Amino acid sequence: MITADITAEELKERLAKGETPVIIDVREDWEHQETRISGAQNIPLGALPQRLDDLEDYKEQEVIVHCKSGMRSASAKAFLQQQGFSNVRNLVGGITAYNG
């Protein structure tokens, strides 16, 4: 199933309403330390294959992935979909757009 990506504005609105979507930051640890979206889990893209078991409970839920600009998270989205995740959305423009 192809799921539409999510814009920074849409995510901000949902968080402001008190929603708590599953958000995975696929940037490196040091990037996550510098700036982050509240509630996001940090799983660097390179570690994603080893951390799949940690995400098993989210396979049928909406999962939002983000990085700095949207490129690494696009790779993460494709990988998770290949692993059977049914509703993965990429944050368009990454945290740069979110903080912009």
N, C-alpha and C. Protein backbone atom coordinates (compact mmCIF):
# COMPACT_ATOMS: atom_id res chain seq x y z
N MET A 1 0.84 -1.19 0.00
CA MET A 1 0.00 0.00 0.00
C MET A 1 0.88 1.24 0.00
N ILE A 2 0.60 2.15 -0.89
CA ILE A 2 1.34 3.41 -0.94
C ILE A 2 0.62 4.42 -0.05
N THR A 3 1.35 5.00 0.88
CA THR A 3 0.75 6.00 1.75
C THR A 3 1.34 7.36 1.44
N ALA A 4 0.48 8.36 1.55
CA ALA A 4 0.92 9.73 1.27
C ALA A 4 1.87 10.20 2.36
N ASP A 5 2.83 10.99 1.96
CA ASP A 5 3.75 11.56 2.94
C ASP A 5 3.01 12.65 3.73
N ILE A 6 3.65 13.14 4.76
CA ILE A 6 3.02 14.13 5.64
C ILE A 6 3.83 15.42 5.61
N THR A 7 3.13 16.55 5.62
CA THR A 7 3.82 17.84 5.63
C THR A 7 4.12 18.26 7.06
N ALA A 8 5.08 19.16 7.19
CA ALA A 8 5.44 19.67 8.52
C ALA A 8 4.22 20.34 9.16
N GLU A 9 3.43 21.07 8.36
CA GLU A 9 2.25 21.76 8.89
C GLU A 9 1.24 20.75 9.44
N GLU A 10 1.00 19.68 8.68
CA GLU A 10 0.04 18.67 9.12
C GLU A 10 0.51 18.01 10.43
N LEU A 11 1.80 17.68 10.50
CA LEU A 11 2.32 17.06 11.72
C LEU A 11 2.22 18.01 12.90
N LYS A 12 2.57 19.27 12.71
CA LYS A 12 2.48 20.25 13.80
C LYS A 12 1.05 20.38 14.30
N GLU A 13 0.08 20.42 13.38
CA GLU A 13 -1.33 20.53 13.77
C GLU A 13 -1.74 19.33 14.61
N ARG A 14 -1.34 18.14 14.17
CA ARG A 14 -1.71 16.93 14.90
C ARG A 14 -1.08 16.89 16.29
N LEU A 15 0.18 17.28 16.40
CA LEU A 15 0.84 17.31 17.70
C LEU A 15 0.20 18.36 18.61
N ALA A 16 -0.19 19.50 18.03
CA ALA A 16 -0.84 20.55 18.80
C ALA A 16 -2.19 20.09 19.35
N LYS A 17 -2.85 19.18 18.65
CA LYS A 17 -4.14 18.64 19.11
C LYS A 17 -3.95 17.56 20.16
N GLY A 18 -2.70 17.23 20.46
CA GLY A 18 -2.43 16.23 21.48
C GLY A 18 -2.28 14.81 20.93
N GLU A 19 -2.26 14.66 19.62
CA GLU A 19 -2.05 13.34 19.05
C GLU A 19 -0.61 12.90 19.33
N THR A 20 -0.41 11.59 19.42
CA THR A 20 0.93 11.06 19.68
C THR A 20 1.26 9.98 18.64
N PRO A 21 1.49 10.40 17.40
CA PRO A 21 1.84 9.41 16.38
C PRO A 21 3.22 8.82 16.66
N VAL A 22 3.47 7.65 16.07
CA VAL A 22 4.79 7.03 16.17
C VAL A 22 5.70 7.79 15.21
N ILE A 23 6.72 8.45 15.74
CA ILE A 23 7.66 9.24 14.93
C ILE A 23 9.05 8.64 15.12
N ILE A 24 9.70 8.32 14.01
CA ILE A 24 11.05 7.77 14.08
C ILE A 24 12.00 8.72 13.36
N ASP A 25 12.99 9.18 14.09
CA ASP A 25 14.04 10.07 13.58
C ASP A 25 15.18 9.17 13.12
N VAL A 26 15.43 9.12 11.80
CA VAL A 26 16.47 8.23 11.29
C VAL A 26 17.82 8.93 11.12
N ARG A 27 17.96 10.12 11.72
CA ARG A 27 19.25 10.80 11.70
C ARG A 27 20.19 10.15 12.70
N GLU A 28 21.45 10.55 12.65
CA GLU A 28 22.44 10.04 13.60
C GLU A 28 22.15 10.61 15.00
N ASP A 29 22.68 9.92 16.02
CA ASP A 29 22.42 10.33 17.41
C ASP A 29 22.77 11.80 17.65
N TRP A 30 23.92 12.24 17.14
CA TRP A 30 24.35 13.62 17.41
C TRP A 30 23.39 14.62 16.77
N GLU A 31 22.79 14.28 15.64
CA GLU A 31 21.83 15.18 15.00
C GLU A 31 20.56 15.27 15.85
N HIS A 32 20.15 14.12 16.38
CA HIS A 32 18.95 14.05 17.22
C HIS A 32 19.15 14.87 18.50
N GLN A 33 20.39 14.89 19.02
CA GLN A 33 20.68 15.65 20.23
C GLN A 33 20.55 17.16 19.97
N GLU A 34 20.91 17.58 18.75
CA GLU A 34 20.89 19.02 18.43
C GLU A 34 19.47 19.58 18.36
N THR A 35 18.58 18.86 17.69
CA THR A 35 17.19 19.31 17.56
C THR A 35 16.32 18.10 17.29
N ARG A 36 15.15 18.10 17.89
CA ARG A 36 14.28 16.93 17.71
C ARG A 36 12.82 17.32 17.77
N ILE A 37 11.99 16.43 17.26
CA ILE A 37 10.54 16.57 17.36
C ILE A 37 10.13 15.84 18.63
N SER A 38 9.37 16.49 19.46
CA SER A 38 8.96 15.92 20.74
C SER A 38 8.32 14.55 20.54
N GLY A 39 8.81 13.57 21.30
CA GLY A 39 8.25 12.23 21.24
C GLY A 39 8.86 11.31 20.20
N ALA A 40 9.75 11.84 19.36
CA ALA A 40 10.36 11.01 18.32
C ALA A 40 11.38 10.04 18.90
N GLN A 41 11.37 8.81 18.39
CA GLN A 41 12.39 7.83 18.74
C GLN A 41 13.56 8.00 17.77
N ASN A 42 14.77 7.92 18.25
CA ASN A 42 15.94 8.03 17.38
C ASN A 42 16.47 6.64 17.04
N ILE A 43 16.32 6.27 15.77
CA ILE A 43 16.90 5.02 15.26
C ILE A 43 17.62 5.39 13.96
N PRO A 44 18.94 5.60 14.01
CA PRO A 44 19.65 5.97 12.79
C PRO A 44 19.39 4.99 11.65
N LEU A 45 19.33 5.52 10.44
CA LEU A 45 19.00 4.71 9.26
C LEU A 45 19.83 3.43 9.21
N GLY A 46 21.12 3.52 9.47
CA GLY A 46 21.99 2.35 9.40
C GLY A 46 21.68 1.28 10.43
N ALA A 47 21.01 1.69 11.51
CA ALA A 47 20.68 0.74 12.59
C ALA A 47 19.28 0.15 12.42
N LEU A 48 18.52 0.66 11.48
CA LEU A 48 17.12 0.24 11.32
C LEU A 48 16.96 -1.28 11.15
N PRO A 49 17.77 -1.94 10.30
CA PRO A 49 17.59 -3.39 10.16
C PRO A 49 17.76 -4.16 11.48
N GLN A 50 18.67 -3.71 12.33
CA GLN A 50 18.91 -4.39 13.61
C GLN A 50 17.84 -4.06 14.64
N ARG A 51 17.10 -2.99 14.42
CA ARG A 51 16.11 -2.54 15.41
C ARG A 51 14.67 -2.87 15.02
N LEU A 52 14.49 -3.66 13.96
CA LEU A 52 13.14 -3.99 13.50
C LEU A 52 12.28 -4.61 14.59
N ASP A 53 12.88 -5.46 15.42
CA ASP A 53 12.10 -6.09 16.49
C ASP A 53 11.49 -5.05 17.43
N ASP A 54 12.21 -3.94 17.64
CA ASP A 54 11.71 -2.87 18.51
C ASP A 54 10.45 -2.22 17.93
N LEU A 55 10.28 -2.32 16.62
CA LEU A 55 9.19 -1.64 15.93
C LEU A 55 8.03 -2.56 15.56
N GLU A 56 8.17 -3.83 15.87
CA GLU A 56 7.19 -4.84 15.46
C GLU A 56 5.75 -4.45 15.81
N ASP A 57 5.56 -3.85 16.98
CA ASP A 57 4.21 -3.48 17.43
C ASP A 57 3.58 -2.40 16.56
N TYR A 58 4.36 -1.72 15.75
CA TYR A 58 3.86 -0.60 14.96
C TYR A 58 3.52 -0.98 13.52
N LYS A 59 3.64 -2.26 13.17
CA LYS A 59 3.47 -2.68 11.77
C LYS A 59 2.15 -2.25 11.16
N GLU A 60 1.08 -2.25 11.95
CA GLU A 60 -0.24 -1.89 11.43
C GLU A 60 -0.62 -0.46 11.77
N GLN A 61 0.25 0.25 12.46
CA GLN A 61 -0.04 1.64 12.84
C GLN A 61 0.62 2.60 11.86
N GLU A 62 0.17 3.85 11.92
CA GLU A 62 0.85 4.89 11.17
C GLU A 62 2.22 5.12 11.80
N VAL A 63 3.26 5.13 10.97
CA VAL A 63 4.61 5.42 11.42
C VAL A 63 5.12 6.58 10.57
N ILE A 64 5.56 7.65 11.23
CA ILE A 64 6.10 8.81 10.52
C ILE A 64 7.62 8.77 10.67
N VAL A 65 8.34 8.80 9.55
CA VAL A 65 9.80 8.81 9.60
C VAL A 65 10.30 10.18 9.16
N HIS A 66 11.39 10.62 9.76
CA HIS A 66 11.98 11.90 9.34
C HIS A 66 13.49 11.88 9.50
N CYS A 67 14.13 12.76 8.73
CA CYS A 67 15.57 12.99 8.85
C CYS A 67 15.78 14.50 8.74
N LYS A 68 16.90 14.93 8.20
CA LYS A 68 17.14 16.37 8.08
C LYS A 68 16.34 16.98 6.94
N SER A 69 16.39 16.32 5.75
CA SER A 69 15.75 16.92 4.57
C SER A 69 14.70 16.04 3.91
N GLY A 70 14.64 14.77 4.30
CA GLY A 70 13.66 13.87 3.70
C GLY A 70 14.25 12.76 2.85
N MET A 71 15.56 12.79 2.59
CA MET A 71 16.18 11.77 1.75
C MET A 71 16.40 10.45 2.50
N ARG A 72 17.04 10.51 3.66
CA ARG A 72 17.27 9.29 4.43
C ARG A 72 15.95 8.68 4.88
N SER A 73 15.00 9.53 5.23
CA SER A 73 13.72 9.00 5.69
C SER A 73 12.93 8.39 4.53
N ALA A 74 13.16 8.85 3.30
CA ALA A 74 12.54 8.20 2.14
C ALA A 74 13.07 6.77 2.00
N SER A 75 14.37 6.60 2.24
CA SER A 75 14.96 5.26 2.23
C SER A 75 14.39 4.41 3.36
N ALA A 76 14.23 5.02 4.53
CA ALA A 76 13.68 4.31 5.69
C ALA A 76 12.24 3.88 5.40
N LYS A 77 11.46 4.76 4.78
CA LYS A 77 10.08 4.44 4.44
C LYS A 77 10.04 3.22 3.50
N ALA A 78 10.85 3.24 2.47
CA ALA A 78 10.88 2.13 1.51
C ALA A 78 11.29 0.84 2.21
N PHE A 79 12.29 0.91 3.07
CA PHE A 79 12.76 -0.27 3.79
C PHE A 79 11.65 -0.84 4.69
N LEU A 80 11.01 0.03 5.46
CA LEU A 80 9.96 -0.44 6.37
C LEU A 80 8.78 -1.03 5.60
N GLN A 81 8.44 -0.44 4.47
CA GLN A 81 7.36 -1.00 3.65
C GLN A 81 7.74 -2.39 3.15
N GLN A 82 8.99 -2.57 2.77
CA GLN A 82 9.46 -3.89 2.33
C GLN A 82 9.38 -4.91 3.46
N GLN A 83 9.47 -4.43 4.70
CA GLN A 83 9.42 -5.32 5.87
C GLN A 83 7.99 -5.55 6.35
N GLY A 84 7.01 -5.03 5.63
CA GLY A 84 5.62 -5.30 5.95
C GLY A 84 4.89 -4.23 6.73
N PHE A 85 5.53 -3.08 6.93
CA PHE A 85 4.83 -1.97 7.60
C PHE A 85 3.84 -1.37 6.61
N SER A 86 2.58 -1.24 7.05
CA SER A 86 1.51 -0.91 6.10
C SER A 86 1.22 0.57 5.97
N ASN A 87 1.67 1.40 6.90
CA ASN A 87 1.28 2.81 6.86
C ASN A 87 2.45 3.71 7.28
N VAL A 88 3.47 3.78 6.43
CA VAL A 88 4.66 4.60 6.72
C VAL A 88 4.57 5.90 5.93
N ARG A 89 4.79 7.01 6.61
CA ARG A 89 4.74 8.33 5.98
C ARG A 89 6.06 9.05 6.22
N ASN A 90 6.56 9.70 5.18
CA ASN A 90 7.79 10.46 5.28
C ASN A 90 7.44 11.93 5.55
N LEU A 91 8.17 12.56 6.46
CA LEU A 91 7.98 13.99 6.73
C LEU A 91 8.64 14.77 5.59
N VAL A 92 7.82 15.41 4.76
CA VAL A 92 8.33 16.15 3.60
C VAL A 92 9.23 17.29 4.05
N GLY A 93 10.47 17.31 3.54
CA GLY A 93 11.41 18.36 3.89
C GLY A 93 12.13 18.13 5.21
N GLY A 94 11.78 17.04 5.90
CA GLY A 94 12.47 16.68 7.14
C GLY A 94 12.34 17.71 8.24
N ILE A 95 13.27 17.62 9.19
CA ILE A 95 13.21 18.52 10.34
C ILE A 95 13.54 19.95 9.93
N THR A 96 14.22 20.11 8.80
CA THR A 96 14.49 21.45 8.28
C THR A 96 13.17 22.17 8.00
N ALA A 97 12.23 21.48 7.36
CA ALA A 97 10.92 22.06 7.07
C ALA A 97 10.12 22.23 8.37
N TYR A 98 10.23 21.27 9.27
CA TYR A 98 9.49 21.30 10.53
C TYR A 98 9.91 22.51 11.37
N ASN A 99 11.21 22.78 11.39
CA ASN A 99 11.72 23.91 12.18
C ASN A 99 11.67 25.22 11.44
N GLY A 100 11.39 25.16 10.13
CA GLY A 100 11.42 26.35 9.27
C GLY A 100 10.38 27.30 9.49
